Amino acid sequence: MATLEELTVEATAEIEAAKPLYKQVNNERLEFTSADYDQAIIDLANSKWDTQQFGYIEARQQAYGSIGDQLDMQFKDLLNDTTTWKDHIAQVKSDNPKPE
């Protein structure tokens, strides 16, 4: 897992490679100022940090499936004496680990 400082270095390299960047101000296209580039680096690094720290949450939510599907799995597990739901949840958690 990368530190915020490492992600800032990565973000800096990406912003540098993307130069020149522009913004629209009063219908005028202007190149980023030094302060704009500095803020873009901070914003990109923070975005990378958030994805690293919390991206697993969205990935898990999508992989779990709907509550209805999960309840259906649980019901069928009760009828058939199986562990489909429990196995599914364990697999989702294994595939999308929480960062340490």
C-alpha atoms as a PDB file:
ATOM      1  CA  MET A   1       0.000   0.000   0.000  1.00  0.00           C
ATOM      2  CA  ALA A   2       1.365   3.379  -0.994  1.00  0.00           C
ATOM      3  CA  THR A   3       1.773   6.296   1.366  1.00  0.00           C
ATOM      4  CA  LEU A   4       0.248   9.683   0.604  1.00  0.00           C
ATOM      5  CA  GLU A   5       3.755  10.953  -0.150  1.00  0.00           C
ATOM      6  CA  GLU A   6       4.297   8.157  -2.694  1.00  0.00           C
ATOM      7  CA  LEU A   7       0.941   8.870  -4.276  1.00  0.00           C
ATOM      8  CA  THR A   8       1.853  12.571  -4.440  1.00  0.00           C
ATOM      9  CA  VAL A   9       5.026  11.692  -6.348  1.00  0.00           C
ATOM     10  CA  GLU A  10       2.947   9.558  -8.713  1.00  0.00           C
ATOM     11  CA  ALA A  11       0.383  12.348  -9.132  1.00  0.00           C
ATOM     12  CA  THR A  12       3.143  14.881  -9.802  1.00  0.00           C
ATOM     13  CA  ALA A  13       4.556  12.688 -12.578  1.00  0.00           C
ATOM     14  CA  GLU A  14       1.101  12.284 -14.133  1.00  0.00           C
ATOM     15  CA  ILE A  15       0.367  16.006 -14.041  1.00  0.00           C
ATOM     16  CA  GLU A  16       3.807  16.819 -15.458  1.00  0.00           C
ATOM     17  CA  ALA A  17       3.238  14.350 -18.292  1.00  0.00           C
ATOM     18  CA  ALA A  18      -0.162  15.885 -19.054  1.00  0.00           C
ATOM     19  CA  LYS A  19       1.126  19.465 -19.344  1.00  0.00           C
ATOM     20  CA  PRO A  20      -0.038  21.841 -20.597  1.00  0.00           C
ATOM     21  CA  LEU A  21      -3.397  21.776 -18.854  1.00  0.00           C
ATOM     22  CA  TYR A  22      -6.029  24.406 -19.416  1.00  0.00           C
ATOM     23  CA  LYS A  23      -9.021  25.892 -17.652  1.00  0.00           C
ATOM     24  CA  GLN A  24     -11.972  27.880 -18.940  1.00  0.00           C
ATOM     25  CA  VAL A  25     -12.427  31.320 -17.341  1.00  0.00           C
ATOM     26  CA  ASN A  26     -15.064  33.719 -18.672  1.00  0.00           C
ATOM     27  CA  ASN A  27     -15.122  31.884 -21.995  1.00  0.00           C
ATOM     28  CA  GLU A  28     -11.354  32.225 -22.265  1.00  0.00           C
ATOM     29  CA  ARG A  29      -9.022  29.231 -22.403  1.00  0.00           C
ATOM     30  CA  LEU A  30      -6.103  29.771 -20.035  1.00  0.00           C
ATOM     31  CA  GLU A  31      -3.203  27.520 -19.152  1.00  0.00           C
ATOM     32  CA  PHE A  32      -3.027  26.468 -15.509  1.00  0.00           C
ATOM     33  CA  THR A  33      -1.028  28.732 -13.234  1.00  0.00           C
ATOM     34  CA  SER A  34       1.603  27.304 -10.892  1.00  0.00           C
ATOM     35  CA  ALA A  35      -0.987  27.357  -8.113  1.00  0.00           C
ATOM     36  CA  ASP A  36      -3.455  25.480 -10.359  1.00  0.00           C
ATOM     37  CA  TYR A  37      -0.847  22.794 -11.091  1.00  0.00           C
ATOM     38  CA  ASP A  38      -0.027  22.518  -7.378  1.00  0.00           C
ATOM     39  CA  GLN A  39      -3.726  22.110  -6.545  1.00  0.00           C
ATOM     40  CA  ALA A  40      -4.195  19.559  -9.339  1.00  0.00           C
ATOM     41  CA  ILE A  41      -1.369  17.472  -7.861  1.00  0.00           C
ATOM     42  CA  ILE A  42      -2.915  17.648  -4.378  1.00  0.00           C
ATOM     43  CA  ASP A  43      -6.362  16.762  -5.723  1.00  0.00           C
ATOM     44  CA  LEU A  44      -5.075  13.813  -7.772  1.00  0.00           C
ATOM     45  CA  ALA A  45      -2.977  12.477  -4.884  1.00  0.00           C
ATOM     46  CA  ASN A  46      -5.965  12.720  -2.524  1.00  0.00           C
ATOM     47  CA  SER A  47      -8.179  10.973  -5.065  1.00  0.00           C
ATOM     48  CA  LYS A  48      -5.653   8.156  -5.384  1.00  0.00           C
ATOM     49  CA  TRP A  49      -5.465   7.918  -1.583  1.00  0.00           C
ATOM     50  CA  ASP A  50      -9.254   7.734  -1.244  1.00  0.00           C
ATOM     51  CA  THR A  51      -9.450   5.034  -3.917  1.00  0.00           C
ATOM     52  CA  GLN A  52      -6.709   3.057  -2.215  1.00  0.00           C
ATOM     53  CA  GLN A  53      -8.237   3.386   1.249  1.00  0.00           C
ATOM     54  CA  PHE A  54     -11.939   3.097   0.407  1.00  0.00           C
ATOM     55  CA  GLY A  55     -12.217   1.650  -3.102  1.00  0.00           C
ATOM     56  CA  TYR A  56     -12.757  -1.821  -1.691  1.00  0.00           C
ATOM     57  CA  ILE A  57     -16.100  -0.682  -0.233  1.00  0.00           C
ATOM     58  CA  GLU A  58     -17.665   0.081  -3.603  1.00  0.00           C
ATOM     59  CA  ALA A  59     -16.131  -3.029  -5.142  1.00  0.00           C
ATOM     60  CA  ARG A  60     -17.636  -5.170  -2.375  1.00  0.00           C
ATOM     61  CA  GLN A  61     -21.044  -3.509  -2.651  1.00  0.00           C
ATOM     62  CA  GLN A  62     -21.191  -4.253  -6.363  1.00  0.00           C
ATOM     63  CA  ALA A  63     -19.962  -7.823  -5.940  1.00  0.00           C
ATOM     64  CA  TYR A  64     -22.355  -8.681  -3.096  1.00  0.00           C
ATOM     65  CA  GLY A  65     -25.368  -8.307  -5.348  1.00  0.00           C
ATOM     66  CA  SER A  66     -28.778  -7.092  -4.298  1.00  0.00           C
ATOM     67  CA  ILE A  67     -30.288  -7.722  -0.887  1.00  0.00           C
ATOM     68  CA  GLY A  68     -33.021  -9.701  -2.637  1.00  0.00           C
ATOM     69  CA  ASP A  69     -30.472 -11.994  -4.279  1.00  0.00           C
ATOM     70  CA  GLN A  70     -28.694 -12.476  -0.961  1.00  0.00           C
ATOM     71  CA  LEU A  71     -31.956 -13.302   0.825  1.00  0.00           C
ATOM     72  CA  ASP A  72     -32.770 -15.767  -1.938  1.00  0.00           C
ATOM     73  CA  MET A  73     -29.365 -17.417  -1.438  1.00  0.00           C
ATOM     74  CA  GLN A  74     -29.982 -17.632   2.314  1.00  0.00           C
ATOM     75  CA  PHE A  75     -33.448 -19.129   1.808  1.00  0.00           C
ATOM     76  CA  LYS A  76     -32.126 -21.753  -0.609  1.00  0.00           C
ATOM     77  CA  ASP A  77     -29.282 -22.499   1.823  1.00  0.00           C
ATOM     78  CA  LEU A  78     -31.862 -23.185   4.541  1.00  0.00           C
ATOM     79  CA  LEU A  79     -33.902 -25.462   2.255  1.00  0.00           C
ATOM     80  CA  ASN A  80     -30.913 -27.342   0.841  1.00  0.00           C
ATOM     81  CA  ASP A  81     -28.612 -27.307   3.871  1.00  0.00           C
ATOM     82  CA  THR A  82     -25.909 -25.521   1.810  1.00  0.00           C
ATOM     83  CA  THR A  83     -23.572 -22.570   2.431  1.00  0.00           C
ATOM     84  CA  THR A  84     -23.863 -20.733  -0.878  1.00  0.00           C
ATOM     85  CA  TRP A  85     -24.506 -17.315   0.689  1.00  0.00           C
ATOM     86  CA  LYS A  86     -21.752 -17.638   3.295  1.00  0.00           C
ATOM     87  CA  ASP A  87     -19.297 -18.824   0.615  1.00  0.00           C
ATOM     88  CA  HIS A  88     -20.298 -15.950  -1.670  1.00  0.00           C
ATOM     89  CA  ILE A  89     -19.744 -13.328   1.050  1.00  0.00           C
ATOM     90  CA  ALA A  90     -16.382 -14.870   1.998  1.00  0.00           C
ATOM     91  CA  GLN A  91     -15.297 -14.832  -1.661  1.00  0.00           C
ATOM     92  CA  VAL A  92     -16.294 -11.168  -2.117  1.00  0.00           C
ATOM     93  CA  LYS A  93     -14.332 -10.202   0.997  1.00  0.00           C
ATOM     94  CA  SER A  94     -11.342 -12.250  -0.164  1.00  0.00           C
ATOM     95  CA  ASP A  95     -11.424 -10.724  -3.663  1.00  0.00           C
ATOM     96  CA  ASN A  96     -11.749  -7.165  -2.286  1.00  0.00           C
ATOM     97  CA  PRO A  97      -9.639  -7.032   0.889  1.00  0.00           C
ATOM     98  CA  LYS A  98      -9.801  -4.183   3.329  1.00  0.00           C
ATOM     99  CA  PRO A  99      -6.489  -2.271   3.394  1.00  0.00           C
ATOM    100  CA  GLU A 100      -4.371  -2.812   6.470  1.00  0.00           C
END
